Amino acid sequence: MQPLKLSAETRAATGATGPAYLIRTPAGTSVTLEEAVDVLADADVVFLGEQHDNAAGHAVQLALTEALGRRRGNIILSMEMFERDAQASLDLYLSGALSEEAFKGIARLWPNYDEHYRAAVEFCKEQGFPVLAANVYRPIASRVARDGARAAIGDPWAARTIHAPMDSEYHRRFTEVMGGHGNGVDDAIMNRVYEAQCLKDDTMAESMALALEAAAADPVTGQKPQVIHWNGRFHSDFGLGTVERLKLRDPSLNVAVVSMIERMPTVLEPLTEEELDQGHFVIVAEQP
């Protein structure tokens, strides 16, 4: 199994060291970065599901984003890590009208922004690609977790429509990850937390759908920009969550899902059937 080939620039930007990366297909075989890009380049939207603090995985995400950007020539980088109200300051920074210092003071960046996300934003800034602040304004999600989905209705920083089916595979997996309904948490509270999760999914999906709707097609190829969306992998694993919400808004979209799993590369046991089924590709990244 061959390790991924990452540039020195990518390694330096993300702090990655060593050849501790593999990309697996649902069949369990390994492919190179270039082979994955050959497949992903045909998608309208590529979800890059991540483990938020994994430097090795972020290095692969960045390499895929750069390669797809250069292959397609026009992408929109959509990110869970930016909330909708930060879009104006993000646009000003990308255009050069706002300094990075000022931008960082406004945008409420994640604590690991410099380590794991800055390089992707800087790549888009250099290439002239837009970056989409896709996520819901955090206090709205907190309000929904406390008061229910109705608390988000009409807010411009939240999706206009929220889908939170309680009899779905996504709901089952969410409650399982959260410890289940039998963990001492009142069912009504758990369901409101689930609604807040779905609000994030719907807002990110709506943000991408609106961006694609507004984007101009290339006059030569007729293609619209490819959207590359970075999010925590639970939002997109198995084609659920944000992927489902995006397909509800535009069933015609060709969507690809990349997931991520942490392993120690020196003792890389086979992935389970369920792990392999998480996406069209699964990044196996060195465990911190």
C-alpha atoms as a PDB file:
ATOM      1  CA  MET A   1       0.000   0.000   0.000  1.00  0.00           C
ATOM      2  CA  GLN A   2       1.550   3.239  -1.127  1.00  0.00           C
ATOM      3  CA  PRO A   3       1.470   6.374   1.070  1.00  0.00           C
ATOM      4  CA  LEU A   4      -0.008   9.574  -0.264  1.00  0.00           C
ATOM      5  CA  LYS A   5       2.379  11.972  -1.933  1.00  0.00           C
ATOM      6  CA  LEU A   6       2.098  15.352  -0.231  1.00  0.00           C
ATOM      7  CA  SER A   7       4.113  18.393  -1.217  1.00  0.00           C
ATOM      8  CA  ALA A   8       6.690  19.920   1.107  1.00  0.00           C
ATOM      9  CA  GLU A   9       4.537  23.060   1.173  1.00  0.00           C
ATOM     10  CA  THR A  10       1.488  21.081   2.296  1.00  0.00           C
ATOM     11  CA  ARG A  11       3.452  19.302   5.006  1.00  0.00           C
ATOM     12  CA  ALA A  12       4.912  22.572   6.256  1.00  0.00           C
ATOM     13  CA  ALA A  13       1.545  24.309   6.260  1.00  0.00           C
ATOM     14  CA  THR A  14      -0.180  21.585   8.255  1.00  0.00           C
ATOM     15  CA  GLY A  15       2.592  20.252  10.458  1.00  0.00           C
ATOM     16  CA  ALA A  16       2.287  16.804   8.898  1.00  0.00           C
ATOM     17  CA  THR A  17       5.259  14.458   9.078  1.00  0.00           C
ATOM     18  CA  GLY A  18       5.912  11.050   7.612  1.00  0.00           C
ATOM     19  CA  PRO A  19       4.012   8.938   5.083  1.00  0.00           C
ATOM     20  CA  ALA A  20       1.152   8.123   7.493  1.00  0.00           C
ATOM     21  CA  TYR A  21      -1.733   8.397   5.037  1.00  0.00           C
ATOM     22  CA  LEU A  22      -3.822   6.053   2.944  1.00  0.00           C
ATOM     23  CA  ILE A  23      -6.986   6.520   0.907  1.00  0.00           C
ATOM     24  CA  ARG A  24      -9.290   3.510   0.804  1.00  0.00           C
ATOM     25  CA  THR A  25     -12.233   2.712  -1.452  1.00  0.00           C
ATOM     26  CA  PRO A  26     -15.417   0.949  -0.259  1.00  0.00           C
ATOM     27  CA  ALA A  27     -13.874  -2.250  -1.638  1.00  0.00           C
ATOM     28  CA  GLY A  28     -10.973  -1.864   0.793  1.00  0.00           C
ATOM     29  CA  THR A  29      -8.310  -1.140  -1.824  1.00  0.00           C
ATOM     30  CA  SER A  30      -5.901   1.791  -1.565  1.00  0.00           C
ATOM     31  CA  VAL A  31      -5.607   4.523  -4.188  1.00  0.00           C
ATOM     32  CA  THR A  32      -3.228   7.409  -4.685  1.00  0.00           C
ATOM     33  CA  LEU A  33      -4.172  11.022  -4.225  1.00  0.00           C
ATOM     34  CA  GLU A  34      -4.136  11.466  -7.988  1.00  0.00           C
ATOM     35  CA  GLU A  35      -6.476   8.505  -8.522  1.00  0.00           C
ATOM     36  CA  ALA A  36      -8.921   9.877  -5.961  1.00  0.00           C
ATOM     37  CA  VAL A  37      -8.831  13.285  -7.652  1.00  0.00           C
ATOM     38  CA  ASP A  38      -9.592  11.651 -11.020  1.00  0.00           C
ATOM     39  CA  VAL A  39     -12.887  10.426  -9.551  1.00  0.00           C
ATOM     40  CA  LEU A  40     -13.730  13.417  -7.350  1.00  0.00           C
ATOM     41  CA  ALA A  41     -13.135  15.955 -10.124  1.00  0.00           C
ATOM     42  CA  ASP A  42     -16.394  14.896 -11.809  1.00  0.00           C
ATOM     43  CA  ALA A  43     -18.561  15.694  -8.773  1.00  0.00           C
ATOM     44  CA  ASP A  44     -20.608  18.871  -8.383  1.00  0.00           C
ATOM     45  CA  VAL A  45     -19.995  18.828  -4.629  1.00  0.00           C
ATOM     46  CA  VAL A  46     -17.257  17.046  -2.671  1.00  0.00           C
ATOM     47  CA  PHE A  47     -17.684  16.588   1.062  1.00  0.00           C
ATOM     48  CA  LEU A  48     -14.416  16.258   2.948  1.00  0.00           C
ATOM     49  CA  GLY A  49     -15.400  14.843   6.323  1.00  0.00           C
ATOM     50  CA  GLU A  50     -12.723  15.259   8.952  1.00  0.00           C
ATOM     51  CA  GLN A  51     -11.513  14.478  12.422  1.00  0.00           C
ATOM     52  CA  HIS A  52     -11.209  18.064  13.647  1.00  0.00           C
ATOM     53  CA  ASP A  53      -7.798  17.819  15.366  1.00  0.00           C
ATOM     54  CA  ASN A  54      -5.986  15.382  13.085  1.00  0.00           C
ATOM     55  CA  ALA A  55      -3.017  17.097  11.422  1.00  0.00           C
ATOM     56  CA  ALA A  56      -2.337  14.168   9.110  1.00  0.00           C
ATOM     57  CA  GLY A  57      -5.915  14.138   7.879  1.00  0.00           C
ATOM     58  CA  HIS A  58      -5.944  17.891   7.363  1.00  0.00           C
ATOM     59  CA  ALA A  59      -2.833  17.565   5.220  1.00  0.00           C
ATOM     60  CA  VAL A  60      -4.707  15.163   2.949  1.00  0.00           C
ATOM     61  CA  GLN A  61      -7.761  17.451   2.870  1.00  0.00           C
ATOM     62  CA  LEU A  62      -5.586  20.356   1.836  1.00  0.00           C
ATOM     63  CA  ALA A  63      -3.825  18.304  -0.832  1.00  0.00           C
ATOM     64  CA  LEU A  64      -7.175  17.159  -2.256  1.00  0.00           C
ATOM     65  CA  THR A  65      -8.557  20.703  -2.203  1.00  0.00           C
ATOM     66  CA  GLU A  66      -5.502  22.120  -3.966  1.00  0.00           C
ATOM     67  CA  ALA A  67      -5.484  19.342  -6.573  1.00  0.00           C
ATOM     68  CA  LEU A  68      -9.210  19.697  -7.282  1.00  0.00           C
ATOM     69  CA  GLY A  69      -8.896  23.466  -7.471  1.00  0.00           C
ATOM     70  CA  ARG A  70      -6.163  23.192 -10.062  1.00  0.00           C
ATOM     71  CA  ARG A  71      -7.950  20.420 -11.973  1.00  0.00           C
ATOM     72  CA  ARG A  72     -11.330  22.174 -12.139  1.00  0.00           C
ATOM     73  CA  GLY A  73      -9.936  25.699 -12.342  1.00  0.00           C
ATOM     74  CA  ASN A  74     -12.838  27.062 -10.322  1.00  0.00           C
ATOM     75  CA  ILE A  75     -14.023  25.914  -6.904  1.00  0.00           C
ATOM     76  CA  ILE A  76     -15.986  27.237  -3.953  1.00  0.00           C
ATOM     77  CA  LEU A  77     -14.496  26.182  -0.643  1.00  0.00           C
ATOM     78  CA  SER A  78     -17.393  25.794   1.795  1.00  0.00           C
ATOM     79  CA  MET A  79     -16.552  25.449   5.490  1.00  0.00           C
ATOM     80  CA  GLU A  80     -18.351  24.412   8.649  1.00  0.00           C
ATOM     81  CA  MET A  81     -15.675  26.408  10.492  1.00  0.00           C
ATOM     82  CA  PHE A  82     -17.111  29.794   9.433  1.00  0.00           C
ATOM     83  CA  GLU A  83     -20.584  30.997  10.429  1.00  0.00           C
ATOM     84  CA  ARG A  84     -22.822  32.884   8.026  1.00  0.00           C
ATOM     85  CA  ASP A  85     -22.504  36.246   9.710  1.00  0.00           C
ATOM     86  CA  ALA A  86     -18.726  36.138   9.058  1.00  0.00           C
ATOM     87  CA  GLN A  87     -19.198  36.081   5.263  1.00  0.00           C
ATOM     88  CA  ALA A  88     -18.738  39.823   4.772  1.00  0.00           C
ATOM     89  CA  SER A  89     -15.464  39.978   6.693  1.00  0.00           C
ATOM     90  CA  LEU A  90     -14.267  36.785   4.986  1.00  0.00           C
ATOM     91  CA  ASP A  91     -14.980  38.284   1.550  1.00  0.00           C
ATOM     92  CA  LEU A  92     -13.156  41.477   2.485  1.00  0.00           C
ATOM     93  CA  TYR A  93     -10.138  39.512   3.649  1.00  0.00           C
ATOM     94  CA  LEU A  94     -10.043  37.384   0.492  1.00  0.00           C
ATOM     95  CA  SER A  95     -10.218  40.509  -1.653  1.00  0.00           C
ATOM     96  CA  GLY A  96      -7.332  42.137   0.220  1.00  0.00           C
ATOM     97  CA  ALA A  97      -9.502  44.929   1.615  1.00  0.00           C
ATOM     98  CA  LEU A  98      -9.159  43.656   5.191  1.00  0.00           C
ATOM     99  CA  SER A  99      -5.958  42.693   6.958  1.00  0.00           C
ATOM    100  CA  GLU A 100      -5.563  39.219   8.387  1.00  0.00           C
ATOM    101  CA  GLU A 101      -5.257  40.697  11.866  1.00  0.00           C
ATOM    102  CA  ALA A 102      -8.566  42.521  11.486  1.00  0.00           C
ATOM    103  CA  PHE A 103     -10.191  39.471   9.949  1.00  0.00           C
ATOM    104  CA  LYS A 104      -9.096  37.277  12.837  1.00  0.00           C
ATOM    105  CA  GLY A 105     -10.517  39.789  15.271  1.00  0.00           C
ATOM    106  CA  ILE A 106     -13.961  39.641  13.651  1.00  0.00           C
ATOM    107  CA  ALA A 107     -14.560  36.119  12.357  1.00  0.00           C
ATOM    108  CA  ARG A 108     -14.566  34.107  15.628  1.00  0.00           C
ATOM    109  CA  LEU A 109     -12.098  31.566  14.282  1.00  0.00           C
ATOM    110  CA  TRP A 110     -11.809  28.064  15.672  1.00  0.00           C
ATOM    111  CA  PRO A 111      -8.883  27.617  18.103  1.00  0.00           C
ATOM    112  CA  ASN A 112      -7.061  25.386  15.590  1.00  0.00           C
ATOM    113  CA  TYR A 113      -7.590  27.753  12.643  1.00  0.00           C
ATOM    114  CA  ASP A 114      -3.921  28.592  12.111  1.00  0.00           C
ATOM    115  CA  GLU A 115      -2.872  24.968  12.429  1.00  0.00           C
ATOM    116  CA  HIS A 116      -5.534  23.250  10.343  1.00  0.00           C
ATOM    117  CA  TYR A 117      -7.616  25.677   8.245  1.00  0.00           C
ATOM    118  CA  ARG A 118      -5.596  28.770   7.406  1.00  0.00           C
ATOM    119  CA  ALA A 119      -3.633  27.068   4.608  1.00  0.00           C
ATOM    120  CA  ALA A 120      -6.832  26.206   2.702  1.00  0.00           C
ATOM    121  CA  VAL A 121      -8.158  29.757   3.036  1.00  0.00           C
ATOM    122  CA  GLU A 122      -4.816  31.175   1.908  1.00  0.00           C
ATOM    123  CA  PHE A 123      -4.798  28.846  -1.107  1.00  0.00           C
ATOM    124  CA  CYS A 124      -8.210  30.181  -2.129  1.00  0.00           C
ATOM    125  CA  LYS A 125      -7.067  33.749  -1.525  1.00  0.00           C
ATOM    126  CA  GLU A 126      -4.058  33.254  -3.787  1.00  0.00           C
ATOM    127  CA  GLN A 127      -6.107  31.542  -6.516  1.00  0.00           C
ATOM    128  CA  GLY A 128      -9.077  33.921  -6.343  1.00  0.00           C
ATOM    129  CA  PHE A 129     -11.512  31.183  -5.258  1.00  0.00           C
ATOM    130  CA  PRO A 130     -14.416  32.147  -2.973  1.00  0.00           C
ATOM    131  CA  VAL A 131     -14.748  30.713   0.530  1.00  0.00           C
ATOM    132  CA  LEU A 132     -18.250  30.147   1.865  1.00  0.00           C
ATOM    133  CA  ALA A 133     -19.080  30.788   5.519  1.00  0.00           C
ATOM    134  CA  ALA A 134     -21.621  27.995   5.499  1.00  0.00           C
ATOM    135  CA  ASN A 135     -22.573  27.298   9.101  1.00  0.00           C
ATOM    136  CA  VAL A 136     -25.346  28.673  11.272  1.00  0.00           C
ATOM    137  CA  TYR A 137     -24.593  31.503  13.702  1.00  0.00           C
ATOM    138  CA  ARG A 138     -23.721  29.553  16.840  1.00  0.00           C
ATOM    139  CA  PRO A 139     -26.074  31.306  19.307  1.00  0.00           C
ATOM    140  CA  ILE A 140     -29.022  30.274  17.108  1.00  0.00           C
ATOM    141  CA  ALA A 141     -28.023  26.603  17.376  1.00  0.00           C
ATOM    142  CA  SER A 142     -27.726  27.026  21.139  1.00  0.00           C
ATOM    143  CA  ARG A 143     -31.195  28.564  21.206  1.00  0.00           C
ATOM    144  CA  VAL A 144     -32.610  25.608  19.269  1.00  0.00           C
ATOM    145  CA  ALA A 145     -30.929  23.127  21.621  1.00  0.00           C
ATOM    146  CA  ARG A 146     -32.683  24.922  24.479  1.00  0.00           C
ATOM    147  CA  ASP A 147     -36.073  25.796  22.957  1.00  0.00           C
ATOM    148  CA  GLY A 148     -36.497  23.628  19.857  1.00  0.00           C
ATOM    149  CA  ALA A 149     -36.367  24.197  16.095  1.00  0.00           C
ATOM    150  CA  ARG A 150     -39.069  26.895  16.113  1.00  0.00           C
ATOM    151  CA  ALA A 151     -36.534  29.199  17.790  1.00  0.00           C
ATOM    152  CA  ALA A 152     -34.626  29.533  14.495  1.00  0.00           C
ATOM    153  CA  ILE A 153     -37.555  30.406  12.244  1.00  0.00           C
ATOM    154  CA  GLY A 154     -36.986  33.597  10.271  1.00  0.00           C
ATOM    155  CA  ASP A 155     -33.410  34.206  11.359  1.00  0.00           C
ATOM    156  CA  PRO A 156     -31.253  35.270   8.374  1.00  0.00           C
ATOM    157  CA  TRP A 157     -28.225  33.431   9.741  1.00  0.00           C
ATOM    158  CA  ALA A 158     -30.086  30.099   9.747  1.00  0.00           C
ATOM    159  CA  ALA A 159     -31.638  27.876   7.098  1.00  0.00           C
ATOM    160  CA  ARG A 160     -35.145  28.796   6.054  1.00  0.00           C
ATOM    161  CA  THR A 161     -36.247  25.170   6.381  1.00  0.00           C
ATOM    162  CA  ILE A 162     -35.134  22.629   8.977  1.00  0.00           C
ATOM    163  CA  HIS A 163     -35.505  18.883   8.472  1.00  0.00           C
ATOM    164  CA  ALA A 164     -35.173  16.840  11.673  1.00  0.00           C
ATOM    165  CA  PRO A 165     -36.900  13.463  11.140  1.00  0.00           C
ATOM    166  CA  MET A 166     -36.979  11.449  14.357  1.00  0.00           C
ATOM    167  CA  ASP A 167     -37.490   8.103  12.601  1.00  0.00           C
ATOM    168  CA  SER A 168     -34.351   8.319  10.453  1.00  0.00           C
ATOM    169  CA  GLU A 169     -31.011   6.543  10.268  1.00  0.00           C
ATOM    170  CA  TYR A 170     -29.324   9.862  11.032  1.00  0.00           C
ATOM    171  CA  HIS A 171     -31.335  10.287  14.244  1.00  0.00           C
ATOM    172  CA  ARG A 172     -30.454   6.734  15.296  1.00  0.00           C
ATOM    173  CA  ARG A 173     -26.749   7.312  14.722  1.00  0.00           C
ATOM    174  CA  PHE A 174     -26.862  10.704  16.445  1.00  0.00           C
ATOM    175  CA  THR A 175     -28.456   9.362  19.621  1.00  0.00           C
ATOM    176  CA  GLU A 176     -26.007   6.454  19.594  1.00  0.00           C
ATOM    177  CA  VAL A 177     -23.017   8.824  19.405  1.00  0.00           C
ATOM    178  CA  MET A 178     -24.525  11.010  22.129  1.00  0.00           C
ATOM    179  CA  GLY A 179     -24.868   8.033  24.411  1.00  0.00           C
ATOM    180  CA  GLY A 180     -28.420   6.998  23.591  1.00  0.00           C
ATOM    181  CA  HIS A 181     -31.758   7.911  25.097  1.00  0.00           C
ATOM    182  CA  GLY A 182     -30.976   5.768  28.130  1.00  0.00           C
ATOM    183  CA  ASN A 183     -28.026   7.846  29.325  1.00  0.00           C
ATOM    184  CA  GLY A 184     -29.982   9.821  31.897  1.00  0.00           C
ATOM    185  CA  VAL A 185     -30.770  12.688  29.526  1.00  0.00           C
ATOM    186  CA  ASP A 186     -34.456  13.463  29.076  1.00  0.00           C
ATOM    187  CA  ASP A 187     -35.701  12.403  25.616  1.00  0.00           C
ATOM    188  CA  ALA A 188     -37.104  15.869  24.928  1.00  0.00           C
ATOM    189  CA  ILE A 189     -33.706  17.439  25.643  1.00  0.00           C
ATOM    190  CA  MET A 190     -31.938  14.910  23.423  1.00  0.00           C
ATOM    191  CA  ASN A 191     -34.369  15.629  20.601  1.00  0.00           C
ATOM    192  CA  ARG A 192     -33.777  19.385  20.847  1.00  0.00           C
ATOM    193  CA  VAL A 193     -30.020  18.802  20.680  1.00  0.00           C
ATOM    194  CA  TYR A 194     -30.651  16.685  17.590  1.00  0.00           C
ATOM    195  CA  GLU A 195     -32.698  19.532  16.089  1.00  0.00           C
ATOM    196  CA  ALA A 196     -29.748  21.881  16.682  1.00  0.00           C
ATOM    197  CA  GLN A 197     -27.510  19.399  14.846  1.00  0.00           C
ATOM    198  CA  CYS A 198     -29.979  19.279  11.956  1.00  0.00           C
ATOM    199  CA  LEU A 199     -30.117  23.081  11.898  1.00  0.00           C
ATOM    200  CA  LYS A 200     -26.376  23.094  11.217  1.00  0.00           C
ATOM    201  CA  ASP A 201     -26.817  20.495   8.469  1.00  0.00           C
ATOM    202  CA  ASP A 202     -29.646  22.399   6.823  1.00  0.00           C
ATOM    203  CA  THR A 203     -27.865  25.735   7.055  1.00  0.00           C
ATOM    204  CA  MET A 204     -24.678  24.382   5.502  1.00  0.00           C
ATOM    205  CA  ALA A 205     -26.686  22.627   2.794  1.00  0.00           C
ATOM    206  CA  GLU A 206     -28.727  25.742   2.032  1.00  0.00           C
ATOM    207  CA  SER A 207     -25.561  27.866   1.926  1.00  0.00           C
ATOM    208  CA  MET A 208     -24.044  25.557  -0.690  1.00  0.00           C
ATOM    209  CA  ALA A 209     -27.247  25.291  -2.718  1.00  0.00           C
ATOM    210  CA  LEU A 210     -27.640  29.074  -2.848  1.00  0.00           C
ATOM    211  CA  ALA A 211     -23.977  29.556  -3.781  1.00  0.00           C
ATOM    212  CA  LEU A 212     -24.285  27.086  -6.656  1.00  0.00           C
ATOM    213  CA  GLU A 213     -27.520  28.676  -7.818  1.00  0.00           C
ATOM    214  CA  ALA A 214     -25.866  32.097  -7.931  1.00  0.00           C
ATOM    215  CA  ALA A 215     -22.602  30.911  -9.510  1.00  0.00           C
ATOM    216  CA  ALA A 216     -21.989  31.529 -13.188  1.00  0.00           C
ATOM    217  CA  ALA A 217     -21.113  28.630 -15.463  1.00  0.00           C
ATOM    218  CA  ASP A 218     -17.785  28.610 -17.254  1.00  0.00           C
ATOM    219  CA  PRO A 219     -18.422  29.982 -20.790  1.00  0.00           C
ATOM    220  CA  VAL A 220     -16.210  27.295 -22.348  1.00  0.00           C
ATOM    221  CA  THR A 221     -16.978  24.135 -20.356  1.00  0.00           C
ATOM    222  CA  GLY A 222     -20.464  25.052 -19.183  1.00  0.00           C
ATOM    223  CA  GLN A 223     -19.527  23.831 -15.714  1.00  0.00           C
ATOM    224  CA  LYS A 224     -20.382  25.657 -12.535  1.00  0.00           C
ATOM    225  CA  PRO A 225     -17.703  25.803  -9.836  1.00  0.00           C
ATOM    226  CA  GLN A 226     -17.178  22.640  -7.859  1.00  0.00           C
ATOM    227  CA  VAL A 227     -18.090  23.051  -4.192  1.00  0.00           C
ATOM    228  CA  ILE A 228     -15.647  21.460  -1.747  1.00  0.00           C
ATOM    229  CA  HIS A 229     -17.153  21.346   1.724  1.00  0.00           C
ATOM    230  CA  TRP A 230     -15.098  20.802   4.878  1.00  0.00           C
ATOM    231  CA  ASN A 231     -17.006  19.516   7.889  1.00  0.00           C
ATOM    232  CA  GLY A 232     -16.749  17.151  10.820  1.00  0.00           C
ATOM    233  CA  ARG A 233     -17.259  13.722   9.320  1.00  0.00           C
ATOM    234  CA  PHE A 234     -20.477  12.949  11.207  1.00  0.00           C
ATOM    235  CA  HIS A 235     -22.198  15.675   9.158  1.00  0.00           C
ATOM    236  CA  SER A 236     -21.569  13.722   5.938  1.00  0.00           C
ATOM    237  CA  ASP A 237     -20.726  10.073   6.722  1.00  0.00           C
ATOM    238  CA  PHE A 238     -22.883   7.497   4.928  1.00  0.00           C
ATOM    239  CA  GLY A 239     -24.367  10.304   2.812  1.00  0.00           C
ATOM    240  CA  LEU A 240     -26.470  11.460   5.771  1.00  0.00           C
ATOM    241  CA  GLY A 241     -26.751  14.812   7.542  1.00  0.00           C
ATOM    242  CA  THR A 242     -25.668  17.715   5.384  1.00  0.00           C
ATOM    243  CA  VAL A 243     -25.469  15.495   2.295  1.00  0.00           C
ATOM    244  CA  GLU A 244     -29.121  14.488   2.668  1.00  0.00           C
ATOM    245  CA  ARG A 245     -30.161  18.094   3.232  1.00  0.00           C
ATOM    246  CA  LEU A 246     -28.294  19.251   0.119  1.00  0.00           C
ATOM    247  CA  LYS A 247     -29.866  16.533  -2.027  1.00  0.00           C
ATOM    248  CA  LEU A 248     -33.312  17.555  -0.759  1.00  0.00           C
ATOM    249  CA  ARG A 249     -32.637  21.019  -2.145  1.00  0.00           C
ATOM    250  CA  ASP A 250     -31.204  19.831  -5.472  1.00  0.00           C
ATOM    251  CA  PRO A 251     -31.585  16.107  -6.240  1.00  0.00           C
ATOM    252  CA  SER A 252     -29.732  16.540  -9.535  1.00  0.00           C
ATOM    253  CA  LEU A 253     -26.382  17.215  -7.858  1.00  0.00           C
ATOM    254  CA  ASN A 254     -23.587  14.674  -8.256  1.00  0.00           C
ATOM    255  CA  VAL A 255     -22.214  14.463  -4.706  1.00  0.00           C
ATOM    256  CA  ALA A 256     -19.072  12.662  -3.529  1.00  0.00           C
ATOM    257  CA  VAL A 257     -18.303  11.941   0.128  1.00  0.00           C
ATOM    258  CA  VAL A 258     -14.834  11.510   1.620  1.00  0.00           C
ATOM    259  CA  SER A 259     -14.596  10.385   5.231  1.00  0.00           C
ATOM    260  CA  MET A 260     -11.703  10.037   7.662  1.00  0.00           C
ATOM    261  CA  ILE A 261     -10.606   7.436  10.201  1.00  0.00           C
ATOM    262  CA  GLU A 262      -7.682   7.585  12.613  1.00  0.00           C
ATOM    263  CA  ARG A 263      -5.286   4.633  12.856  1.00  0.00           C
ATOM    264  CA  MET A 264      -1.696   3.996  13.875  1.00  0.00           C
ATOM    265  CA  PRO A 265       0.028   3.381  10.519  1.00  0.00           C
ATOM    266  CA  THR A 266       2.453   0.803  11.932  1.00  0.00           C
ATOM    267  CA  VAL A 267      -0.415  -1.447  13.080  1.00  0.00           C
ATOM    268  CA  LEU A 268      -2.995  -0.729  10.391  1.00  0.00           C
ATOM    269  CA  GLU A 269      -5.717  -3.322  10.853  1.00  0.00           C
ATOM    270  CA  PRO A 270      -8.311  -3.819   8.112  1.00  0.00           C
ATOM    271  CA  LEU A 271     -11.209  -1.384   8.190  1.00  0.00           C
ATOM    272  CA  THR A 272     -14.610  -2.784   9.025  1.00  0.00           C
ATOM    273  CA  GLU A 273     -17.333  -2.983   6.385  1.00  0.00           C
ATOM    274  CA  GLU A 274     -19.173  -0.108   8.083  1.00  0.00           C
ATOM    275  CA  GLU A 275     -16.045   2.072   8.154  1.00  0.00           C
ATOM    276  CA  LEU A 276     -15.435   1.469   4.464  1.00  0.00           C
ATOM    277  CA  ASP A 277     -19.057   2.393   3.743  1.00  0.00           C
ATOM    278  CA  GLN A 278     -18.710   5.864   5.283  1.00  0.00           C
ATOM    279  CA  GLY A 279     -17.853   7.488   1.977  1.00  0.00           C
ATOM    280  CA  HIS A 280     -16.791   7.035  -1.610  1.00  0.00           C
ATOM    281  CA  PHE A 281     -13.271   7.290  -0.192  1.00  0.00           C
ATOM    282  CA  VAL A 282     -12.001   6.967   3.366  1.00  0.00           C
ATOM    283  CA  ILE A 283      -8.824   8.746   4.430  1.00  0.00           C
ATOM    284  CA  VAL A 284      -6.895   6.640   6.925  1.00  0.00           C
ATOM    285  CA  ALA A 285      -4.853   9.191   8.880  1.00  0.00           C
ATOM    286  CA  GLU A 286      -2.200   8.787  11.522  1.00  0.00           C
ATOM    287  CA  GLN A 287      -3.676   8.830  14.999  1.00  0.00           C
ATOM    288  CA  PRO A 288      -2.301  11.733  17.086  1.00  0.00           C
END
